[in-house]
Amino acid sequence: MASGNQYYQLISFFPEIAHEIAFVAENGGWVVSEGEDIFNGELTKADFQAVVEHLLTRADVEIIACGKNSAYTLKRYDDALKAVAAMYYHRLEFVDNFNNINDVFFKFGLNITDDRIPEVQAALHDAIGDIMVPVHTGYGSIDLIIPGVHKANGLRLLQQRWGIHDSEVVVFGDGGNDIEMLRQAGFSFAMSHASEAVAAAAKYRAGSNNQEGVLDIIDSVLNNEPPFNV
């Protein structure tokens, strides 16, 4: 499973088989296969501090720092943000500040109103794009990821481990954090509600999440139906 979600969140969805499958968590920031660490990104302390210092100058974003041990957000944020964060981060700590946290960091999650996303994404790209890449993940959020540390990279690491070629990979995506993965896989499907940029990165389209679009494609794979019968 390749997801922007926290690793601990993902394994909570599959308690009986988590030790048998692979996860590309945190948008590629942490890759685990059958309980074994394969890869994790890591910001230097200087880069982490530089990103935090810039983000704290912006009143239009709320910050979640994503580490290997936990995610962290500020105690001073309102209860609404804390409730939303708790939905997506199985391990979440509330801190006074982001100083002197003993963890390995590979991602930031930013909570922001939808109408501000394009402007803020562009501003972040200009301000800190050499350290982290802002990607729109949907649902009123932007993730900051380390350049090159994305879902496609995580999948490539697993493919190398298993001897699987891009032409044998099927992926599904609907957000900006899926674009590299959609471009890389031999069979890539953008969901029907995906943006134009995401759809352009995919080779095929799938139905809506609400209409079992992913399951329909999986059925086509198992039944050797187009486009999988070539």
C-alpha atoms as a PDB file:
ATOM      1  CA  MET A   1       0.000   0.000   0.000  1.00  0.00           C
ATOM      2  CA  ALA A   2       1.348   3.411  -1.017  1.00  0.00           C
ATOM      3  CA  SER A   3      -0.184   6.275   0.938  1.00  0.00           C
ATOM      4  CA  GLY A   4       0.423   9.685   2.408  1.00  0.00           C
ATOM      5  CA  ASN A   5      -0.798   8.334   5.724  1.00  0.00           C
ATOM      6  CA  GLN A   6       1.382   7.582   8.711  1.00  0.00           C
ATOM      7  CA  TYR A   7       2.805   4.048   8.914  1.00  0.00           C
ATOM      8  CA  TYR A   8       1.170   3.435  12.289  1.00  0.00           C
ATOM      9  CA  GLN A   9      -2.159   4.512  10.840  1.00  0.00           C
ATOM     10  CA  LEU A  10      -1.801   2.133   7.899  1.00  0.00           C
ATOM     11  CA  ILE A  11      -0.940  -0.936   9.957  1.00  0.00           C
ATOM     12  CA  SER A  12      -3.948  -0.218  12.179  1.00  0.00           C
ATOM     13  CA  PHE A  13      -6.141  -0.792   9.103  1.00  0.00           C
ATOM     14  CA  PHE A  14      -4.702  -4.284   8.577  1.00  0.00           C
ATOM     15  CA  PRO A  15      -4.014  -5.688  12.055  1.00  0.00           C
ATOM     16  CA  GLU A  16      -4.147  -9.333  10.984  1.00  0.00           C
ATOM     17  CA  ILE A  17      -1.895  -9.120   7.911  1.00  0.00           C
ATOM     18  CA  ALA A  18       0.271  -6.014   8.452  1.00  0.00           C
ATOM     19  CA  HIS A  19       3.306  -8.250   9.019  1.00  0.00           C
ATOM     20  CA  GLU A  20       2.737  -9.937   5.639  1.00  0.00           C
ATOM     21  CA  ILE A  21       2.448  -6.924   3.325  1.00  0.00           C
ATOM     22  CA  ALA A  22       4.463  -3.857   2.317  1.00  0.00           C
ATOM     23  CA  PHE A  23       3.790  -0.191   3.004  1.00  0.00           C
ATOM     24  CA  VAL A  24       5.053   2.927   1.276  1.00  0.00           C
ATOM     25  CA  ALA A  25       3.955   5.314   4.015  1.00  0.00           C
ATOM     26  CA  GLU A  26       4.200   9.093   4.451  1.00  0.00           C
ATOM     27  CA  ASN A  27       4.246   9.635   0.660  1.00  0.00           C
ATOM     28  CA  GLY A  28       7.396   7.535   0.361  1.00  0.00           C
ATOM     29  CA  GLY A  29       9.076   8.836   3.492  1.00  0.00           C
ATOM     30  CA  TRP A  30       9.091   5.401   5.109  1.00  0.00           C
ATOM     31  CA  VAL A  31       9.052   2.024   3.350  1.00  0.00           C
ATOM     32  CA  VAL A  32       8.423  -1.194   5.278  1.00  0.00           C
ATOM     33  CA  SER A  33       8.050  -4.733   3.917  1.00  0.00           C
ATOM     34  CA  GLU A  34       6.750  -7.551   6.113  1.00  0.00           C
ATOM     35  CA  GLY A  35       7.714  -5.587   9.212  1.00  0.00           C
ATOM     36  CA  GLU A  36      11.252  -4.888   7.975  1.00  0.00           C
ATOM     37  CA  ASP A  37      12.485  -1.343   7.427  1.00  0.00           C
ATOM     38  CA  ILE A  38      13.544  -0.909   3.807  1.00  0.00           C
ATOM     39  CA  PHE A  39      14.040   2.854   3.680  1.00  0.00           C
ATOM     40  CA  ASN A  40      13.257   6.109   5.396  1.00  0.00           C
ATOM     41  CA  GLY A  41      14.014   9.649   4.350  1.00  0.00           C
ATOM     42  CA  GLU A  42      15.719  11.965   6.797  1.00  0.00           C
ATOM     43  CA  LEU A  43      15.926  15.737   6.959  1.00  0.00           C
ATOM     44  CA  THR A  44      19.096  17.170   8.415  1.00  0.00           C
ATOM     45  CA  LYS A  45      18.581  19.076  11.642  1.00  0.00           C
ATOM     46  CA  ALA A  46      19.494  22.283   9.832  1.00  0.00           C
ATOM     47  CA  ASP A  47      16.954  21.686   7.069  1.00  0.00           C
ATOM     48  CA  PHE A  48      14.263  20.711   9.569  1.00  0.00           C
ATOM     49  CA  GLN A  49      14.865  23.903  11.517  1.00  0.00           C
ATOM     50  CA  ALA A  50      14.883  26.052   8.378  1.00  0.00           C
ATOM     51  CA  VAL A  51      11.529  24.647   7.263  1.00  0.00           C
ATOM     52  CA  VAL A  52       9.970  25.064  10.706  1.00  0.00           C
ATOM     53  CA  GLU A  53      11.201  28.640  10.997  1.00  0.00           C
ATOM     54  CA  HIS A  54       9.638  29.546   7.659  1.00  0.00           C
ATOM     55  CA  LEU A  55       6.348  27.793   8.352  1.00  0.00           C
ATOM     56  CA  LEU A  56       5.989  29.561  11.679  1.00  0.00           C
ATOM     57  CA  THR A  57       6.030  32.893   9.844  1.00  0.00           C
ATOM     58  CA  ARG A  58       2.842  31.905   8.019  1.00  0.00           C
ATOM     59  CA  ALA A  59      -0.438  32.432   9.834  1.00  0.00           C
ATOM     60  CA  ASP A  60      -2.371  30.537   7.142  1.00  0.00           C
ATOM     61  CA  VAL A  61      -0.985  27.053   7.828  1.00  0.00           C
ATOM     62  CA  GLU A  62      -1.095  24.682  10.773  1.00  0.00           C
ATOM     63  CA  ILE A  63       1.904  22.385  11.027  1.00  0.00           C
ATOM     64  CA  ILE A  64       2.261  18.670  11.643  1.00  0.00           C
ATOM     65  CA  ALA A  65       5.875  17.449  11.702  1.00  0.00           C
ATOM     66  CA  CYS A  66       6.033  13.793  10.681  1.00  0.00           C
ATOM     67  CA  GLY A  67       8.701  11.659  12.316  1.00  0.00           C
ATOM     68  CA  LYS A  68       9.527   7.986  12.562  1.00  0.00           C
ATOM     69  CA  ASN A  69       8.430   7.680  16.180  1.00  0.00           C
ATOM     70  CA  SER A  70       5.396   9.946  15.999  1.00  0.00           C
ATOM     71  CA  ALA A  71       3.831  12.998  14.424  1.00  0.00           C
ATOM     72  CA  TYR A  72       3.936  16.288  16.319  1.00  0.00           C
ATOM     73  CA  THR A  73       1.751  19.367  16.325  1.00  0.00           C
ATOM     74  CA  LEU A  74       1.479  22.405  18.547  1.00  0.00           C
ATOM     75  CA  LYS A  75      -0.573  22.499  21.723  1.00  0.00           C
ATOM     76  CA  ARG A  76      -1.719  26.023  20.899  1.00  0.00           C
ATOM     77  CA  TYR A  77      -3.689  24.958  17.828  1.00  0.00           C
ATOM     78  CA  ASP A  78      -7.442  24.758  18.228  1.00  0.00           C
ATOM     79  CA  ASP A  79      -9.324  21.568  19.000  1.00  0.00           C
ATOM     80  CA  ALA A  80     -10.675  21.275  15.454  1.00  0.00           C
ATOM     81  CA  LEU A  81      -7.180  20.837  14.005  1.00  0.00           C
ATOM     82  CA  LYS A  82      -6.222  18.404  16.746  1.00  0.00           C
ATOM     83  CA  ALA A  83      -9.305  16.298  16.024  1.00  0.00           C
ATOM     84  CA  VAL A  84      -8.582  16.195  12.290  1.00  0.00           C
ATOM     85  CA  ALA A  85      -4.912  15.375  12.884  1.00  0.00           C
ATOM     86  CA  ALA A  86      -5.831  12.532  15.218  1.00  0.00           C
ATOM     87  CA  MET A  87      -7.910  10.978  12.415  1.00  0.00           C
ATOM     88  CA  TYR A  88      -4.862  10.658  10.154  1.00  0.00           C
ATOM     89  CA  TYR A  89      -2.023  10.168  12.629  1.00  0.00           C
ATOM     90  CA  HIS A  90      -2.302   7.083  14.817  1.00  0.00           C
ATOM     91  CA  ARG A  91       0.645   8.365  16.834  1.00  0.00           C
ATOM     92  CA  LEU A  92       0.391  12.076  17.535  1.00  0.00           C
ATOM     93  CA  GLU A  93       2.037  14.186  20.235  1.00  0.00           C
ATOM     94  CA  PHE A  94       1.190  17.755  21.196  1.00  0.00           C
ATOM     95  CA  VAL A  95       4.228  19.924  21.878  1.00  0.00           C
ATOM     96  CA  ASP A  96       4.946  23.489  22.957  1.00  0.00           C
ATOM     97  CA  ASN A  97       7.350  23.944  20.037  1.00  0.00           C
ATOM     98  CA  PHE A  98       9.317  21.919  17.498  1.00  0.00           C
ATOM     99  CA  ASN A  99      12.678  22.408  19.210  1.00  0.00           C
ATOM    100  CA  ASN A 100      14.791  19.510  20.455  1.00  0.00           C
ATOM    101  CA  ILE A 101      12.455  16.695  19.426  1.00  0.00           C
ATOM    102  CA  ASN A 102      14.427  13.447  19.328  1.00  0.00           C
ATOM    103  CA  ASP A 103      13.147  11.892  16.113  1.00  0.00           C
ATOM    104  CA  VAL A 104      13.912  11.369  12.431  1.00  0.00           C
ATOM    105  CA  PHE A 105      11.766  13.644  10.251  1.00  0.00           C
ATOM    106  CA  PHE A 106      10.839  13.053   6.617  1.00  0.00           C
ATOM    107  CA  LYS A 107       7.611  14.972   5.982  1.00  0.00           C
ATOM    108  CA  PHE A 108       5.418  17.861   7.077  1.00  0.00           C
ATOM    109  CA  GLY A 109       1.646  17.934   6.824  1.00  0.00           C
ATOM    110  CA  LEU A 110       0.060  21.367   6.550  1.00  0.00           C
ATOM    111  CA  ASN A 111      -3.580  22.092   7.259  1.00  0.00           C
ATOM    112  CA  ILE A 112      -4.941  24.939   5.143  1.00  0.00           C
ATOM    113  CA  THR A 113      -8.208  26.131   3.647  1.00  0.00           C
ATOM    114  CA  ASP A 114      -8.830  24.875   0.111  1.00  0.00           C
ATOM    115  CA  ASP A 115      -9.080  28.324  -1.446  1.00  0.00           C
ATOM    116  CA  ARG A 116      -5.567  29.195  -0.232  1.00  0.00           C
ATOM    117  CA  ILE A 117      -3.833  26.049  -1.473  1.00  0.00           C
ATOM    118  CA  PRO A 118      -2.611  27.204  -4.930  1.00  0.00           C
ATOM    119  CA  GLU A 119      -1.191  30.464  -3.583  1.00  0.00           C
ATOM    120  CA  VAL A 120       0.455  28.868  -0.554  1.00  0.00           C
ATOM    121  CA  GLN A 121       1.829  25.957  -2.566  1.00  0.00           C
ATOM    122  CA  ALA A 122       3.505  28.366  -4.985  1.00  0.00           C
ATOM    123  CA  ALA A 123       4.885  30.487  -2.146  1.00  0.00           C
ATOM    124  CA  LEU A 124       6.306  27.450  -0.359  1.00  0.00           C
ATOM    125  CA  HIS A 125       7.918  26.254  -3.561  1.00  0.00           C
ATOM    126  CA  ASP A 126       9.680  29.605  -3.915  1.00  0.00           C
ATOM    127  CA  ALA A 127      10.696  29.851  -0.254  1.00  0.00           C
ATOM    128  CA  ILE A 128      11.815  26.318   0.653  1.00  0.00           C
ATOM    129  CA  GLY A 129      11.544  24.310  -2.572  1.00  0.00           C
ATOM    130  CA  ASP A 130      15.240  23.476  -2.473  1.00  0.00           C
ATOM    131  CA  ILE A 131      14.665  21.642   0.830  1.00  0.00           C
ATOM    132  CA  MET A 132      11.152  20.225   0.506  1.00  0.00           C
ATOM    133  CA  VAL A 133       8.583  19.942  -2.278  1.00  0.00           C
ATOM    134  CA  PRO A 134       4.990  21.073  -1.553  1.00  0.00           C
ATOM    135  CA  VAL A 135       2.371  18.691  -2.967  1.00  0.00           C
ATOM    136  CA  HIS A 136      -1.399  19.044  -2.770  1.00  0.00           C
ATOM    137  CA  THR A 137      -2.816  15.905  -1.186  1.00  0.00           C
ATOM    138  CA  GLY A 138      -6.469  16.968  -1.201  1.00  0.00           C
ATOM    139  CA  TYR A 139      -8.835  17.452   1.725  1.00  0.00           C
ATOM    140  CA  GLY A 140      -7.472  20.906   2.572  1.00  0.00           C
ATOM    141  CA  SER A 141      -3.865  19.885   3.005  1.00  0.00           C
ATOM    142  CA  ILE A 142      -0.387  20.235   1.562  1.00  0.00           C
ATOM    143  CA  ASP A 143       2.437  17.819   2.306  1.00  0.00           C
ATOM    144  CA  LEU A 144       6.080  18.830   2.229  1.00  0.00           C
ATOM    145  CA  ILE A 145       8.249  15.950   1.038  1.00  0.00           C
ATOM    146  CA  ILE A 146      12.006  15.595   0.584  1.00  0.00           C
ATOM    147  CA  PRO A 147      12.910  15.954  -3.120  1.00  0.00           C
ATOM    148  CA  GLY A 148      12.938  12.527  -4.745  1.00  0.00           C
ATOM    149  CA  VAL A 149      11.422  10.862  -1.687  1.00  0.00           C
ATOM    150  CA  HIS A 150       7.939  10.138  -3.006  1.00  0.00           C
ATOM    151  CA  LYS A 151       5.642   7.171  -3.587  1.00  0.00           C
ATOM    152  CA  ALA A 152       7.301   6.289  -6.896  1.00  0.00           C
ATOM    153  CA  ASN A 153      10.680   6.009  -5.196  1.00  0.00           C
ATOM    154  CA  GLY A 154       9.229   3.781  -2.497  1.00  0.00           C
ATOM    155  CA  LEU A 155       7.604   1.506  -5.057  1.00  0.00           C
ATOM    156  CA  ARG A 156      10.831   1.348  -7.060  1.00  0.00           C
ATOM    157  CA  LEU A 157      12.714   0.162  -3.968  1.00  0.00           C
ATOM    158  CA  LEU A 158      10.172  -2.625  -3.446  1.00  0.00           C
ATOM    159  CA  GLN A 159      10.245  -3.541  -7.134  1.00  0.00           C
ATOM    160  CA  GLN A 160      14.023  -3.891  -7.010  1.00  0.00           C
ATOM    161  CA  ARG A 161      13.697  -6.073  -3.936  1.00  0.00           C
ATOM    162  CA  TRP A 162      11.143  -8.327  -5.638  1.00  0.00           C
ATOM    163  CA  GLY A 163      12.412  -8.238  -9.219  1.00  0.00           C
ATOM    164  CA  ILE A 164       9.306  -6.524 -10.610  1.00  0.00           C
ATOM    165  CA  HIS A 165       9.409  -4.265 -13.687  1.00  0.00           C
ATOM    166  CA  ASP A 166       7.414  -1.053 -14.097  1.00  0.00           C
ATOM    167  CA  SER A 167       5.399  -2.775 -16.831  1.00  0.00           C
ATOM    168  CA  GLU A 168       4.048  -5.214 -14.228  1.00  0.00           C
ATOM    169  CA  VAL A 169       2.834  -2.579 -11.771  1.00  0.00           C
ATOM    170  CA  VAL A 170      -0.757  -1.324 -11.396  1.00  0.00           C
ATOM    171  CA  VAL A 171      -1.346   1.859  -9.392  1.00  0.00           C
ATOM    172  CA  PHE A 172      -4.283   4.130  -8.608  1.00  0.00           C
ATOM    173  CA  GLY A 173      -4.154   7.796  -7.671  1.00  0.00           C
ATOM    174  CA  ASP A 174      -6.215  10.933  -7.261  1.00  0.00           C
ATOM    175  CA  GLY A 175      -3.913  13.541  -5.707  1.00  0.00           C
ATOM    176  CA  GLY A 176      -0.839  15.573  -6.466  1.00  0.00           C
ATOM    177  CA  ASN A 177       1.209  13.235  -4.280  1.00  0.00           C
ATOM    178  CA  ASP A 178       0.448  10.405  -6.745  1.00  0.00           C
ATOM    179  CA  ILE A 179       1.817  12.012  -9.914  1.00  0.00           C
ATOM    180  CA  GLU A 180       5.323  10.481  -9.916  1.00  0.00           C
ATOM    181  CA  MET A 181       3.877   7.058  -9.168  1.00  0.00           C
ATOM    182  CA  LEU A 182       1.318   7.363 -11.964  1.00  0.00           C
ATOM    183  CA  ARG A 183       4.010   8.334 -14.447  1.00  0.00           C
ATOM    184  CA  GLN A 184       6.245   5.429 -13.432  1.00  0.00           C
ATOM    185  CA  ALA A 185       3.873   2.450 -13.389  1.00  0.00           C
ATOM    186  CA  GLY A 186       3.046   0.482 -16.515  1.00  0.00           C
ATOM    187  CA  PHE A 187      -0.660   0.469 -15.683  1.00  0.00           C
ATOM    188  CA  SER A 188      -1.584   3.714 -13.950  1.00  0.00           C
ATOM    189  CA  PHE A 189      -5.159   4.778 -13.298  1.00  0.00           C
ATOM    190  CA  ALA A 190      -6.389   8.214 -12.261  1.00  0.00           C
ATOM    191  CA  MET A 191      -9.658   8.127 -10.385  1.00  0.00           C
ATOM    192  CA  SER A 192     -12.608   9.877 -12.028  1.00  0.00           C
ATOM    193  CA  HIS A 193     -12.521  12.774  -9.548  1.00  0.00           C
ATOM    194  CA  ALA A 194      -8.780  13.428 -10.042  1.00  0.00           C
ATOM    195  CA  SER A 195      -7.604  16.854 -11.174  1.00  0.00           C
ATOM    196  CA  GLU A 196      -6.474  17.458 -14.751  1.00  0.00           C
ATOM    197  CA  ALA A 197      -2.811  17.401 -13.706  1.00  0.00           C
ATOM    198  CA  VAL A 198      -3.207  14.030 -12.013  1.00  0.00           C
ATOM    199  CA  ALA A 199      -5.229  12.593 -14.908  1.00  0.00           C
ATOM    200  CA  ALA A 200      -2.551  13.730 -17.364  1.00  0.00           C
ATOM    201  CA  ALA A 201       0.072  11.732 -15.453  1.00  0.00           C
ATOM    202  CA  ALA A 202      -1.907   8.486 -15.699  1.00  0.00           C
ATOM    203  CA  LYS A 203      -2.235   6.160 -18.662  1.00  0.00           C
ATOM    204  CA  TYR A 204      -5.849   5.198 -17.907  1.00  0.00           C
ATOM    205  CA  ARG A 205      -8.918   6.336 -15.982  1.00  0.00           C
ATOM    206  CA  ALA A 206     -10.846   4.474 -13.314  1.00  0.00           C
ATOM    207  CA  GLY A 207     -14.305   5.022 -11.894  1.00  0.00           C
ATOM    208  CA  SER A 208     -15.106   6.858  -8.700  1.00  0.00           C
ATOM    209  CA  ASN A 209     -13.968   5.712  -5.267  1.00  0.00           C
ATOM    210  CA  ASN A 210     -17.626   5.832  -4.306  1.00  0.00           C
ATOM    211  CA  GLN A 211     -18.501   3.380  -7.084  1.00  0.00           C
ATOM    212  CA  GLU A 212     -15.818   0.743  -6.425  1.00  0.00           C
ATOM    213  CA  GLY A 213     -13.634   2.050  -9.240  1.00  0.00           C
ATOM    214  CA  VAL A 214     -10.489   0.393  -7.860  1.00  0.00           C
ATOM    215  CA  LEU A 215     -12.209  -2.950  -7.338  1.00  0.00           C
ATOM    216  CA  ASP A 216     -13.504  -2.893 -10.905  1.00  0.00           C
ATOM    217  CA  ILE A 217      -9.957  -2.531 -12.244  1.00  0.00           C
ATOM    218  CA  ILE A 218      -8.675  -5.284  -9.966  1.00  0.00           C
ATOM    219  CA  ASP A 219     -11.396  -7.543 -11.370  1.00  0.00           C
ATOM    220  CA  SER A 220     -10.128  -6.711 -14.861  1.00  0.00           C
ATOM    221  CA  VAL A 221      -6.605  -7.714 -13.823  1.00  0.00           C
ATOM    222  CA  LEU A 222      -7.773 -11.036 -12.405  1.00  0.00           C
ATOM    223  CA  ASN A 223      -9.976 -11.760 -15.430  1.00  0.00           C
ATOM    224  CA  ASN A 224      -7.251 -10.825 -17.937  1.00  0.00           C
ATOM    225  CA  GLU A 225      -9.462  -8.163 -19.488  1.00  0.00           C
ATOM    226  CA  PRO A 226      -8.305  -5.038 -21.383  1.00  0.00           C
ATOM    227  CA  PRO A 227      -5.885  -3.398 -20.974  1.00  0.00           C
ATOM    228  CA  PHE A 228      -4.275  -6.310 -19.149  1.00  0.00           C
ATOM    229  CA  ASN A 229      -4.645  -8.899 -21.923  1.00  0.00           C
ATOM    230  CA  VAL A 230      -1.955  -7.511 -24.217  1.00  0.00           C
END
